[in-house]
């Protein structure tokens, strides 16, 4: 797999549990509002966490196989013109490579696994 074959989604643990129970992730409220599920690459993840999840605890980090999402995954310009992965449809759980809790430090920053580079 190349670097962009794995994309990432941060979400509250309760929302992840709801997705597991339903068999798919329809998205967080912001995703539903925007009409697509927001993802980040490994290099975008830290900035996404700092901007949208600072200080939030009880988060899950999903590592997702971008190749498994087909044509519903589109790379579109966002922050600063960088291309971000957006999924126009539900996320099938079969595409999730890993789901793990994210540690939140006292200063509000998050600790990501070493595999996210």
PDB file of N, CA and C in Angstrom:
ATOM      1  N   UNK A   1       0.833  -1.181   0.000  1.00  0.00           N
ATOM      2  CA  UNK A   1       0.000   0.000   0.000  1.00  0.00           C
ATOM      3  C   UNK A   1       0.876   1.243   0.000  1.00  0.00           C
ATOM      4  N   UNK A   2       0.437   2.227  -0.741  1.00  0.00           N
ATOM      5  CA  UNK A   2       1.148   3.492  -0.709  1.00  0.00           C
ATOM      6  C   UNK A   2       0.588   4.342   0.419  1.00  0.00           C
ATOM      7  N   UNK A   3       1.222   5.440   0.642  1.00  0.00           N
ATOM      8  CA  UNK A   3       0.864   6.328   1.745  1.00  0.00           C
ATOM      9  C   UNK A   3      -0.607   6.749   1.713  1.00  0.00           C
ATOM     10  N   UNK A   4      -1.126   7.118   0.543  1.00  0.00           N
ATOM     11  CA  UNK A   4      -2.503   7.581   0.452  1.00  0.00           C
ATOM     12  C   UNK A   4      -3.506   6.449   0.268  1.00  0.00           C
ATOM     13  N   UNK A   5      -3.049   5.195   0.286  1.00  0.00           N
ATOM     14  CA  UNK A   5      -3.981   4.075   0.256  1.00  0.00           C
ATOM     15  C   UNK A   5      -4.679   3.919   1.596  1.00  0.00           C
ATOM     16  N   UNK A   6      -4.076   4.461   2.657  1.00  0.00           N
ATOM     17  CA  UNK A   6      -4.702   4.443   3.971  1.00  0.00           C
ATOM     18  C   UNK A   6      -5.076   5.874   4.331  1.00  0.00           C
ATOM     19  N   UNK A   7      -6.368   6.062   4.620  1.00  0.00           N
ATOM     20  CA  UNK A   7      -6.866   7.367   5.050  1.00  0.00           C
ATOM     21  C   UNK A   7      -7.430   7.214   6.455  1.00  0.00           C
ATOM     22  N   UNK A   8      -7.653   8.348   7.127  1.00  0.00           N
ATOM     23  CA  UNK A   8      -7.987   8.312   8.553  1.00  0.00           C
ATOM     24  C   UNK A   8      -9.235   9.132   8.860  1.00  0.00           C
ATOM     25  N   UNK A   9      -9.959   8.647   9.859  1.00  0.00           N
ATOM     26  CA  UNK A   9     -11.156   9.328  10.348  1.00  0.00           C
ATOM     27  C   UNK A   9     -11.123   9.333  11.863  1.00  0.00           C
ATOM     28  N   UNK A  10     -11.211  10.524  12.456  1.00  0.00           N
ATOM     29  CA  UNK A  10     -11.362  10.669  13.904  1.00  0.00           C
ATOM     30  C   UNK A  10     -12.846  10.828  14.207  1.00  0.00           C
ATOM     31  N   UNK A  11     -13.306  10.139  15.234  1.00  0.00           N
ATOM     32  CA  UNK A  11     -14.702  10.282  15.613  1.00  0.00           C
ATOM     33  C   UNK A  11     -14.894   9.874  17.060  1.00  0.00           C
ATOM     34  N   UNK A  12     -15.948  10.373  17.686  1.00  0.00           N
ATOM     35  CA  UNK A  12     -16.228   9.990  19.068  1.00  0.00           C
ATOM     36  C   UNK A  12     -16.486   8.478  19.172  1.00  0.00           C
ATOM     37  N   UNK A  13     -16.050   7.895  20.275  1.00  0.00           N
ATOM     38  CA  UNK A  13     -16.215   6.455  20.476  1.00  0.00           C
ATOM     39  C   UNK A  13     -17.678   6.037  20.392  1.00  0.00           C
ATOM     40  N   UNK A  14     -18.591   6.864  20.900  1.00  0.00           N
ATOM     41  CA  UNK A  14     -20.021   6.528  20.866  1.00  0.00           C
ATOM     42  C   UNK A  14     -20.528   6.428  19.421  1.00  0.00           C
ATOM     43  N   UNK A  15     -20.022   7.305  18.551  1.00  0.00           N
ATOM     44  CA  UNK A  15     -20.425   7.254  17.146  1.00  0.00           C
ATOM     45  C   UNK A  15     -19.863   6.011  16.468  1.00  0.00           C
ATOM     46  N   UNK A  16     -18.647   5.632  16.827  1.00  0.00           N
ATOM     47  CA  UNK A  16     -18.061   4.404  16.281  1.00  0.00           C
ATOM     48  C   UNK A  16     -18.880   3.190  16.735  1.00  0.00           C
ATOM     49  N   UNK A  17     -19.276   3.147  17.991  1.00  0.00           N
ATOM     50  CA  UNK A  17     -20.083   2.028  18.472  1.00  0.00           C
ATOM     51  C   UNK A  17     -21.411   1.951  17.728  1.00  0.00           C
ATOM     52  N   UNK A  18     -22.006   3.094  17.467  1.00  0.00           N
ATOM     53  CA  UNK A  18     -23.260   3.147  16.706  1.00  0.00           C
ATOM     54  C   UNK A  18     -23.047   2.581  15.295  1.00  0.00           C
ATOM     55  N   UNK A  19     -21.913   2.925  14.681  1.00  0.00           N
ATOM     56  CA  UNK A  19     -21.597   2.421  13.343  1.00  0.00           C
ATOM     57  C   UNK A  19     -21.401   0.903  13.367  1.00  0.00           C
ATOM     58  N   UNK A  20     -20.706   0.412  14.378  1.00  0.00           N
ATOM     59  CA  UNK A  20     -20.493  -1.039  14.504  1.00  0.00           C
ATOM     60  C   UNK A  20     -21.843  -1.741  14.623  1.00  0.00           C
ATOM     61  N   UNK A  21     -22.729  -1.198  15.434  1.00  0.00           N
ATOM     62  CA  UNK A  21     -24.051  -1.786  15.613  1.00  0.00           C
ATOM     63  C   UNK A  21     -24.867  -1.769  14.317  1.00  0.00           C
ATOM     64  N   UNK A  22     -24.692  -0.702  13.516  1.00  0.00           N
ATOM     65  CA  UNK A  22     -25.449  -0.544  12.267  1.00  0.00           C
ATOM     66  C   UNK A  22     -24.802  -1.266  11.089  1.00  0.00           C
ATOM     67  N   UNK A  23     -23.509  -1.589  11.204  1.00  0.00           N
ATOM     68  CA  UNK A  23     -22.804  -2.245  10.105  1.00  0.00           C
ATOM     69  C   UNK A  23     -22.210  -1.287   9.093  1.00  0.00           C
ATOM     70  N   UNK A  24     -22.313   0.008   9.329  1.00  0.00           N
ATOM     71  CA  UNK A  24     -21.700   1.016   8.463  1.00  0.00           C
ATOM     72  C   UNK A  24     -21.671   2.344   9.202  1.00  0.00           C
ATOM     73  N   UNK A  25     -20.785   3.227   8.747  1.00  0.00           N
ATOM     74  CA  UNK A  25     -20.700   4.572   9.303  1.00  0.00           C
ATOM     75  C   UNK A  25     -21.315   5.543   8.307  1.00  0.00           C
ATOM     76  N   UNK A  26     -22.381   6.214   8.737  1.00  0.00           N
ATOM     77  CA  UNK A  26     -23.015   7.213   7.872  1.00  0.00           C
ATOM     78  C   UNK A  26     -22.352   8.570   8.007  1.00  0.00           C
ATOM     79  N   UNK A  27     -21.586   8.773   9.081  1.00  0.00           N
ATOM     80  CA  UNK A  27     -20.850  10.012   9.263  1.00  0.00           C
ATOM     81  C   UNK A  27     -21.226  10.721  10.538  1.00  0.00           C
ATOM     82  N   UNK A  28     -20.377  11.650  10.911  1.00  0.00           N
ATOM     83  CA  UNK A  28     -20.613  12.527  12.056  1.00  0.00           C
ATOM     84  C   UNK A  28     -21.579  13.627  11.620  1.00  0.00           C
ATOM     85  N   UNK A  29     -22.117  14.402  12.564  1.00  0.00           N
ATOM     86  CA  UNK A  29     -23.034  15.487  12.169  1.00  0.00           C
ATOM     87  C   UNK A  29     -22.467  16.414  11.084  1.00  0.00           C
ATOM     88  N   UNK A  30     -21.197  16.779  11.172  1.00  0.00           N
ATOM     89  CA  UNK A  30     -20.607  17.654  10.146  1.00  0.00           C
ATOM     90  C   UNK A  30     -20.576  16.959   8.788  1.00  0.00           C
ATOM     91  N   UNK A  31     -20.352  15.649   8.778  1.00  0.00           N
ATOM     92  CA  UNK A  31     -20.350  14.898   7.521  1.00  0.00           C
ATOM     93  C   UNK A  31     -21.748  14.900   6.898  1.00  0.00           C
ATOM     94  N   UNK A  32     -22.743  14.633   7.723  1.00  0.00           N
ATOM     95  CA  UNK A  32     -24.120  14.615   7.233  1.00  0.00           C
ATOM     96  C   UNK A  32     -24.523  15.986   6.702  1.00  0.00           C
ATOM     97  N   UNK A  33     -24.079  17.029   7.380  1.00  0.00           N
ATOM     98  CA  UNK A  33     -24.372  18.402   6.951  1.00  0.00           C
ATOM     99  C   UNK A  33     -23.716  18.713   5.608  1.00  0.00           C
ATOM    100  N   UNK A  34     -22.463  18.274   5.432  1.00  0.00           N
ATOM    101  CA  UNK A  34     -21.711  18.592   4.215  1.00  0.00           C
ATOM    102  C   UNK A  34     -22.014  17.654   3.050  1.00  0.00           C
ATOM    103  N   UNK A  35     -22.642  16.500   3.322  1.00  0.00           N
ATOM    104  CA  UNK A  35     -23.003  15.573   2.259  1.00  0.00           C
ATOM    105  C   UNK A  35     -21.934  14.562   1.910  1.00  0.00           C
ATOM    106  N   UNK A  36     -20.888  14.477   2.716  1.00  0.00           N
ATOM    107  CA  UNK A  36     -19.831  13.482   2.511  1.00  0.00           C
ATOM    108  C   UNK A  36     -19.106  13.265   3.827  1.00  0.00           C
ATOM    109  N   UNK A  37     -18.402  12.129   3.921  1.00  0.00           N
ATOM    110  CA  UNK A  37     -17.620  11.821   5.121  1.00  0.00           C
ATOM    111  C   UNK A  37     -16.213  12.368   4.920  1.00  0.00           C
ATOM    112  N   UNK A  38     -15.786  13.200   5.861  1.00  0.00           N
ATOM    113  CA  UNK A  38     -14.454  13.799   5.825  1.00  0.00           C
ATOM    114  C   UNK A  38     -13.409  12.796   6.309  1.00  0.00           C
ATOM    115  N   UNK A  39     -12.303  12.701   5.584  1.00  0.00           N
ATOM    116  CA  UNK A  39     -11.149  11.905   5.991  1.00  0.00           C
ATOM    117  C   UNK A  39      -9.908  12.781   5.895  1.00  0.00           C
ATOM    118  N   UNK A  40      -8.808  12.276   6.435  1.00  0.00           N
ATOM    119  CA  UNK A  40      -7.508  12.943   6.327  1.00  0.00           C
ATOM    120  C   UNK A  40      -6.471  11.911   5.935  1.00  0.00           C
ATOM    121  N   UNK A  41      -5.409  12.387   5.291  1.00  0.00           N
ATOM    122  CA  UNK A  41      -4.244  11.532   5.081  1.00  0.00           C
ATOM    123  C   UNK A  41      -3.418  11.555   6.366  1.00  0.00           C
ATOM    124  N   UNK A  42      -2.396  10.746   6.426  1.00  0.00           N
ATOM    125  CA  UNK A  42      -1.524  10.721   7.602  1.00  0.00           C
ATOM    126  C   UNK A  42      -0.901  12.092   7.845  1.00  0.00           C
ATOM    127  N   UNK A  43      -0.506  12.783   6.785  1.00  0.00           N
ATOM    128  CA  UNK A  43       0.129  14.088   6.955  1.00  0.00           C
ATOM    129  C   UNK A  43      -0.868  15.180   7.338  1.00  0.00           C
ATOM    130  N   UNK A  44      -2.133  14.979   7.073  1.00  0.00           N
ATOM    131  CA  UNK A  44      -3.170  15.960   7.400  1.00  0.00           C
ATOM    132  C   UNK A  44      -3.799  15.727   8.769  1.00  0.00           C
ATOM    133  N   UNK A  45      -3.596  14.549   9.331  1.00  0.00           N
ATOM    134  CA  UNK A  45      -4.319  14.136  10.529  1.00  0.00           C
ATOM    135  C   UNK A  45      -4.067  15.034  11.734  1.00  0.00           C
ATOM    136  N   UNK A  46      -2.829  15.390  11.996  1.00  0.00           N
ATOM    137  CA  UNK A  46      -2.507  16.219  13.161  1.00  0.00           C
ATOM    138  C   UNK A  46      -3.239  17.564  13.093  1.00  0.00           C
ATOM    139  N   UNK A  47      -3.192  18.219  11.936  1.00  0.00           N
ATOM    140  CA  UNK A  47      -3.863  19.514  11.792  1.00  0.00           C
ATOM    141  C   UNK A  47      -5.385  19.364  11.937  1.00  0.00           C
ATOM    142  N   UNK A  48      -5.935  18.300  11.382  1.00  0.00           N
ATOM    143  CA  UNK A  48      -7.373  18.041  11.536  1.00  0.00           C
ATOM    144  C   UNK A  48      -7.728  17.863  13.002  1.00  0.00           C
ATOM    145  N   UNK A  49      -6.932  17.085  13.719  1.00  0.00           N
ATOM    146  CA  UNK A  49      -7.191  16.858  15.148  1.00  0.00           C
ATOM    147  C   UNK A  49      -7.107  18.162  15.929  1.00  0.00           C
ATOM    148  N   UNK A  50      -6.073  18.955  15.657  1.00  0.00           N
ATOM    149  CA  UNK A  50      -5.892  20.218  16.374  1.00  0.00           C
ATOM    150  C   UNK A  50      -7.018  21.208  16.070  1.00  0.00           C
ATOM    151  N   UNK A  51      -7.477  21.229  14.836  1.00  0.00           N
ATOM    152  CA  UNK A  51      -8.487  22.205  14.423  1.00  0.00           C
ATOM    153  C   UNK A  51      -9.898  21.803  14.865  1.00  0.00           C
ATOM    154  N   UNK A  52     -10.225  20.516  14.752  1.00  0.00           N
ATOM    155  CA  UNK A  52     -11.611  20.093  14.961  1.00  0.00           C
ATOM    156  C   UNK A  52     -11.857  19.273  16.228  1.00  0.00           C
ATOM    157  N   UNK A  53     -10.790  18.777  16.867  1.00  0.00           N
ATOM    158  CA  UNK A  53     -10.978  17.872  18.003  1.00  0.00           C
ATOM    159  C   UNK A  53     -10.149  18.238  19.230  1.00  0.00           C
ATOM    160  N   UNK A  54      -9.566  19.428  19.253  1.00  0.00           N
ATOM    161  CA  UNK A  54      -8.711  19.828  20.375  1.00  0.00           C
ATOM    162  C   UNK A  54      -9.457  19.679  21.699  1.00  0.00           C
ATOM    163  N   UNK A  55      -8.818  18.997  22.632  1.00  0.00           N
ATOM    164  CA  UNK A  55      -9.378  18.823  23.961  1.00  0.00           C
ATOM    165  C   UNK A  55     -10.433  17.747  24.079  1.00  0.00           C
ATOM    166  N   UNK A  56     -10.876  17.194  22.966  1.00  0.00           N
ATOM    167  CA  UNK A  56     -11.896  16.142  23.027  1.00  0.00           C
ATOM    168  C   UNK A  56     -11.258  14.811  23.389  1.00  0.00           C
ATOM    169  N   UNK A  57     -11.862  14.146  24.333  1.00  0.00           N
ATOM    170  CA  UNK A  57     -11.407  12.820  24.744  1.00  0.00           C
ATOM    171  C   UNK A  57     -12.376  11.779  24.201  1.00  0.00           C
ATOM    172  N   UNK A  58     -12.045  10.520  24.431  1.00  0.00           N
ATOM    173  CA  UNK A  58     -12.892   9.402  24.042  1.00  0.00           C
ATOM    174  C   UNK A  58     -13.107   9.359  22.535  1.00  0.00           C
ATOM    175  N   UNK A  59     -11.993   9.533  21.798  1.00  0.00           N
ATOM    176  CA  UNK A  59     -12.033   9.466  20.336  1.00  0.00           C
ATOM    177  C   UNK A  59     -11.480   8.135  19.845  1.00  0.00           C
ATOM    178  N   UNK A  60     -11.943   7.754  18.675  1.00  0.00           N
ATOM    179  CA  UNK A  60     -11.452   6.570  17.982  1.00  0.00           C
ATOM    180  C   UNK A  60     -10.813   7.037  16.681  1.00  0.00           C
ATOM    181  N   UNK A  61      -9.681   6.438  16.329  1.00  0.00           N
ATOM    182  CA  UNK A  61      -9.041   6.696  15.045  1.00  0.00           C
ATOM    183  C   UNK A  61      -9.261   5.486  14.155  1.00  0.00           C
ATOM    184  N   UNK A  62      -9.903   5.723  13.014  1.00  0.00           N
ATOM    185  CA  UNK A  62     -10.088   4.672  12.029  1.00  0.00           C
ATOM    186  C   UNK A  62      -9.016   4.796  10.965  1.00  0.00           C
ATOM    187  N   UNK A  63      -8.392   3.682  10.625  1.00  0.00           N
ATOM    188  CA  UNK A  63      -7.519   3.594   9.461  1.00  0.00           C
ATOM    189  C   UNK A  63      -8.334   2.854   8.403  1.00  0.00           C
ATOM    190  N   UNK A  64      -8.473   3.447   7.239  1.00  0.00           N
ATOM    191  CA  UNK A  64      -9.383   2.943   6.220  1.00  0.00           C
ATOM    192  C   UNK A  64      -8.622   2.701   4.919  1.00  0.00           C
ATOM    193  N   UNK A  65      -8.925   1.583   4.269  1.00  0.00           N
ATOM    194  CA  UNK A  65      -8.341   1.250   2.973  1.00  0.00           C
ATOM    195  C   UNK A  65      -9.061   2.067   1.899  1.00  0.00           C
ATOM    196  N   UNK A  66      -8.409   3.093   1.414  1.00  0.00           N
ATOM    197  CA  UNK A  66      -9.019   3.982   0.420  1.00  0.00           C
ATOM    198  C   UNK A  66      -9.377   3.223  -0.852  1.00  0.00           C
ATOM    199  N   UNK A  67      -8.584   2.221  -1.190  1.00  0.00           N
ATOM    200  CA  UNK A  67      -8.837   1.466  -2.434  1.00  0.00           C
ATOM    201  C   UNK A  67     -10.161   0.718  -2.376  1.00  0.00           C
ATOM    202  N   UNK A  68     -10.624   0.387  -1.181  1.00  0.00           N
ATOM    203  CA  UNK A  68     -11.866  -0.370  -1.028  1.00  0.00           C
ATOM    204  C   UNK A  68     -13.109   0.496  -1.194  1.00  0.00           C
ATOM    205  N   UNK A  69     -12.940   1.813  -1.326  1.00  0.00           N
ATOM    206  CA  UNK A  69     -14.083   2.720  -1.362  1.00  0.00           C
ATOM    207  C   UNK A  69     -14.560   3.054  -2.766  1.00  0.00           C
ATOM    208  N   UNK A  70     -13.775   2.684  -3.760  1.00  0.00           N
ATOM    209  CA  UNK A  70     -14.199   2.863  -5.148  1.00  0.00           C
ATOM    210  C   UNK A  70     -14.413   4.307  -5.538  1.00  0.00           C
ATOM    211  N   UNK A  71     -15.341   4.499  -6.474  1.00  0.00           N
ATOM    212  CA  UNK A  71     -15.555   5.827  -7.063  1.00  0.00           C
ATOM    213  C   UNK A  71     -16.286   6.784  -6.136  1.00  0.00           C
ATOM    214  N   UNK A  72     -16.811   6.298  -5.012  1.00  0.00           N
ATOM    215  CA  UNK A  72     -17.467   7.207  -4.067  1.00  0.00           C
ATOM    216  C   UNK A  72     -16.453   8.036  -3.280  1.00  0.00           C
ATOM    217  N   UNK A  73     -15.174   7.651  -3.333  1.00  0.00           N
ATOM    218  CA  UNK A  73     -14.116   8.425  -2.678  1.00  0.00           C
ATOM    219  C   UNK A  73     -13.551   9.410  -3.692  1.00  0.00           C
ATOM    220  N   UNK A  74     -13.567  10.675  -3.304  1.00  0.00           N
ATOM    221  CA  UNK A  74     -13.049  11.723  -4.183  1.00  0.00           C
ATOM    222  C   UNK A  74     -12.022  12.553  -3.420  1.00  0.00           C
ATOM    223  N   UNK A  75     -10.973  12.960  -4.119  1.00  0.00           N
ATOM    224  CA  UNK A  75      -9.937  13.824  -3.547  1.00  0.00           C
ATOM    225  C   UNK A  75     -10.252  15.244  -3.984  1.00  0.00           C
ATOM    226  N   UNK A  76     -10.591  16.092  -3.004  1.00  0.00           N
ATOM    227  CA  UNK A  76     -11.059  17.429  -3.322  1.00  0.00           C
ATOM    228  C   UNK A  76     -10.289  18.477  -2.527  1.00  0.00           C
ATOM    229  N   UNK A  77     -10.108  19.686  -3.120  1.00  0.00           N
ATOM    230  CA  UNK A  77      -9.392  20.741  -2.417  1.00  0.00           C
ATOM    231  C   UNK A  77     -10.152  21.196  -1.178  1.00  0.00           C
ATOM    232  N   UNK A  78      -9.401  21.441  -0.125  1.00  0.00           N
ATOM    233  CA  UNK A  78      -9.970  21.946   1.121  1.00  0.00           C
ATOM    234  C   UNK A  78      -8.972  22.907   1.724  1.00  0.00           C
ATOM    235  N   UNK A  79      -8.664  22.738   3.023  1.00  0.00           N
ATOM    236  CA  UNK A  79      -7.757  23.641   3.735  1.00  0.00           C
ATOM    237  C   UNK A  79      -6.520  23.975   2.917  1.00  0.00           C
ATOM    238  N   UNK A  80      -6.341  25.244   2.616  1.00  0.00           N
ATOM    239  CA  UNK A  80      -5.135  25.685   1.918  1.00  0.00           C
ATOM    240  C   UNK A  80      -4.973  25.103   0.527  1.00  0.00           C
ATOM    241  N   UNK A  81      -6.054  24.581  -0.055  1.00  0.00           N
ATOM    242  CA  UNK A  81      -5.980  23.997  -1.388  1.00  0.00           C
ATOM    243  C   UNK A  81      -5.498  22.559  -1.419  1.00  0.00           C
ATOM    244  N   UNK A  82      -5.147  21.997  -0.262  1.00  0.00           N
ATOM    245  CA  UNK A  82      -4.696  20.600  -0.210  1.00  0.00           C
ATOM    246  C   UNK A  82      -5.855  19.672  -0.562  1.00  0.00           C
ATOM    247  N   UNK A  83      -5.525  18.559  -1.204  1.00  0.00           N
ATOM    248  CA  UNK A  83      -6.538  17.574  -1.551  1.00  0.00           C
ATOM    249  C   UNK A  83      -6.832  16.686  -0.346  1.00  0.00           C
ATOM    250  N   UNK A  84      -8.105  16.623   0.016  1.00  0.00           N
ATOM    251  CA  UNK A  84      -8.558  15.794   1.125  1.00  0.00           C
ATOM    252  C   UNK A  84      -9.483  14.708   0.588  1.00  0.00           C
ATOM    253  N   UNK A  85      -9.448  13.526   1.192  1.00  0.00           N
ATOM    254  CA  UNK A  85     -10.358  12.461   0.774  1.00  0.00           C
ATOM    255  C   UNK A  85     -11.751  12.661   1.368  1.00  0.00           C
ATOM    256  N   UNK A  86     -12.762  12.609   0.495  1.00  0.00           N
ATOM    257  CA  UNK A  86     -14.157  12.755   0.894  1.00  0.00           C
ATOM    258  C   UNK A  86     -14.930  11.552   0.340  1.00  0.00           C
ATOM    259  N   UNK A  87     -15.719  10.922   1.178  1.00  0.00           N
ATOM    260  CA  UNK A  87     -16.503   9.760   0.767  1.00  0.00           C
ATOM    261  C   UNK A  87     -17.963  10.155   0.614  1.00  0.00           C
ATOM    262  N   UNK A  88     -18.474   9.995  -0.590  1.00  0.00           N
ATOM    263  CA  UNK A  88     -19.865  10.324  -0.885  1.00  0.00           C
ATOM    264  C   UNK A  88     -20.711   9.060  -0.778  1.00  0.00           C
ATOM    265  N   UNK A  89     -20.978   8.679   0.440  1.00  0.00           N
ATOM    266  CA  UNK A  89     -21.758   7.491   0.746  1.00  0.00           C
ATOM    267  C   UNK A  89     -21.314   6.966   2.089  1.00  0.00           C
ATOM    268  N   UNK A  90     -21.974   5.942   2.594  1.00  0.00           N
ATOM    269  CA  UNK A  90     -21.591   5.391   3.893  1.00  0.00           C
ATOM    270  C   UNK A  90     -20.254   4.650   3.813  1.00  0.00           C
ATOM    271  N   UNK A  91     -19.584   4.600   4.940  1.00  0.00           N
ATOM    272  CA  UNK A  91     -18.327   3.858   5.040  1.00  0.00           C
ATOM    273  C   UNK A  91     -18.641   2.423   5.423  1.00  0.00           C
ATOM    274  N   UNK A  92     -18.354   1.467   4.530  1.00  0.00           N
ATOM    275  CA  UNK A  92     -18.562   0.061   4.895  1.00  0.00           C
ATOM    276  C   UNK A  92     -17.489  -0.369   5.895  1.00  0.00           C
ATOM    277  N   UNK A  93     -17.896  -1.068   6.927  1.00  0.00           N
ATOM    278  CA  UNK A  93     -16.937  -1.463   7.966  1.00  0.00           C
ATOM    279  C   UNK A  93     -15.860  -2.391   7.425  1.00  0.00           C
ATOM    280  N   UNK A  94     -16.127  -3.091   6.331  1.00  0.00           N
ATOM    281  CA  UNK A  94     -15.125  -3.971   5.728  1.00  0.00           C
ATOM    282  C   UNK A  94     -13.907  -3.190   5.237  1.00  0.00           C
ATOM    283  N   UNK A  95     -14.057  -1.898   4.989  1.00  0.00           N
ATOM    284  CA  UNK A  95     -12.935  -1.066   4.529  1.00  0.00           C
ATOM    285  C   UNK A  95     -12.064  -0.570   5.678  1.00  0.00           C
ATOM    286  N   UNK A  96     -12.514  -0.756   6.918  1.00  0.00           N
ATOM    287  CA  UNK A  96     -11.769  -0.286   8.084  1.00  0.00           C
ATOM    288  C   UNK A  96     -10.665  -1.290   8.410  1.00  0.00           C
ATOM    289  N   UNK A  97      -9.432  -0.827   8.326  1.00  0.00           N
ATOM    290  CA  UNK A  97      -8.269  -1.670   8.606  1.00  0.00           C
ATOM    291  C   UNK A  97      -7.974  -1.771  10.095  1.00  0.00           C
ATOM    292  N   UNK A  98      -8.268  -0.700  10.823  1.00  0.00           N
ATOM    293  CA  UNK A  98      -7.953  -0.641  12.244  1.00  0.00           C
ATOM    294  C   UNK A  98      -8.815   0.439  12.895  1.00  0.00           C
ATOM    295  N   UNK A  99      -9.218   0.188  14.115  1.00  0.00           N
ATOM    296  CA  UNK A  99      -9.956   1.175  14.909  1.00  0.00           C
ATOM    297  C   UNK A  99      -9.374   1.113  16.307  1.00  0.00           C
ATOM    298  N   UNK A 100      -8.824   2.242  16.749  1.00  0.00           N
ATOM    299  CA  UNK A 100      -8.210   2.234  18.082  1.00  0.00           C
ATOM    300  C   UNK A 100      -8.444   3.546  18.801  1.00  0.00           C
ATOM    301  N   UNK A 101      -8.512   3.467  20.132  1.00  0.00           N
ATOM    302  CA  UNK A 101      -8.692   4.683  20.934  1.00  0.00           C
ATOM    303  C   UNK A 101      -7.488   5.619  20.776  1.00  0.00           C
ATOM    304  N   UNK A 102      -7.753   6.900  20.894  1.00  0.00           N
ATOM    305  CA  UNK A 102      -6.723   7.933  20.808  1.00  0.00           C
ATOM    306  C   UNK A 102      -6.562   8.544  22.193  1.00  0.00           C
ATOM    307  N   UNK A 103      -5.340   8.593  22.647  1.00  0.00           N
ATOM    308  CA  UNK A 103      -5.056   9.220  23.938  1.00  0.00           C
ATOM    309  C   UNK A 103      -5.107  10.734  23.794  1.00  0.00           C
ATOM    310  N   UNK A 104      -5.762  11.386  24.760  1.00  0.00           N
ATOM    311  CA  UNK A 104      -5.809  12.848  24.796  1.00  0.00           C
ATOM    312  C   UNK A 104      -4.951  13.323  25.962  1.00  0.00           C
ATOM    313  N   UNK A 105      -3.962  14.144  25.653  1.00  0.00           N
ATOM    314  CA  UNK A 105      -3.068  14.664  26.679  1.00  0.00           C
ATOM    315  C   UNK A 105      -3.749  15.773  27.474  1.00  0.00           C
ATOM    316  N   UNK A 106      -3.179  16.125  28.595  1.00  0.00           N
ATOM    317  CA  UNK A 106      -3.744  17.157  29.459  1.00  0.00           C
ATOM    318  C   UNK A 106      -3.847  18.506  28.746  1.00  0.00           C
ATOM    319  N   UNK A 107      -2.945  18.763  27.798  1.00  0.00           N
ATOM    320  CA  UNK A 107      -2.986  20.036  27.071  1.00  0.00           C
ATOM    321  C   UNK A 107      -3.962  20.008  25.883  1.00  0.00           C
ATOM    322  N   UNK A 108      -4.694  18.894  25.723  1.00  0.00           N
ATOM    323  CA  UNK A 108      -5.701  18.795  24.679  1.00  0.00           C
ATOM    324  C   UNK A 108      -5.233  18.172  23.385  1.00  0.00           C
ATOM    325  N   UNK A 109      -3.917  17.957  23.246  1.00  0.00           N
ATOM    326  CA  UNK A 109      -3.397  17.317  22.034  1.00  0.00           C
ATOM    327  C   UNK A 109      -3.640  15.814  22.087  1.00  0.00           C
ATOM    328  N   UNK A 110      -3.572  15.190  20.929  1.00  0.00           N
ATOM    329  CA  UNK A 110      -3.827  13.762  20.825  1.00  0.00           C
ATOM    330  C   UNK A 110      -2.560  13.000  20.434  1.00  0.00           C
ATOM    331  N   UNK A 111      -2.481  11.781  20.922  1.00  0.00           N
ATOM    332  CA  UNK A 111      -1.343  10.899  20.633  1.00  0.00           C
ATOM    333  C   UNK A 111      -1.817   9.857  19.625  1.00  0.00           C
ATOM    334  N   UNK A 112      -1.155   9.817  18.467  1.00  0.00           N
ATOM    335  CA  UNK A 112      -1.516   8.870  17.412  1.00  0.00           C
ATOM    336  C   UNK A 112      -0.536   7.709  17.387  1.00  0.00           C
ATOM    337  N   UNK A 113      -0.978   6.564  16.881  1.00  0.00           N
ATOM    338  CA  UNK A 113      -0.079   5.402  16.793  1.00  0.00           C
ATOM    339  C   UNK A 113       1.117   5.707  15.907  1.00  0.00           C
ATOM    340  N   UNK A 114       2.199   5.010  16.168  1.00  0.00           N
ATOM    341  CA  UNK A 114       3.429   5.186  15.371  1.00  0.00           C
ATOM    342  C   UNK A 114       3.203   4.863  13.906  1.00  0.00           C
ATOM    343  N   UNK A 115       2.207   4.023  13.607  1.00  0.00           N
ATOM    344  CA  UNK A 115       1.961   3.636  12.218  1.00  0.00           C
ATOM    345  C   UNK A 115       1.415   4.778  11.380  1.00  0.00           C
ATOM    346  N   UNK A 116       0.931   5.834  12.015  1.00  0.00           N
ATOM    347  CA  UNK A 116       0.434   7.012  11.288  1.00  0.00           C
ATOM    348  C   UNK A 116       1.605   7.956  11.101  1.00  0.00           C
ATOM    349  N   UNK A 117       2.091   8.071   9.895  1.00  0.00           N
ATOM    350  CA  UNK A 117       3.230   8.943   9.603  1.00  0.00           C
ATOM    351  C   UNK A 117       2.919   9.864   8.454  1.00  0.00           C
TER     352      UNK A 117
END
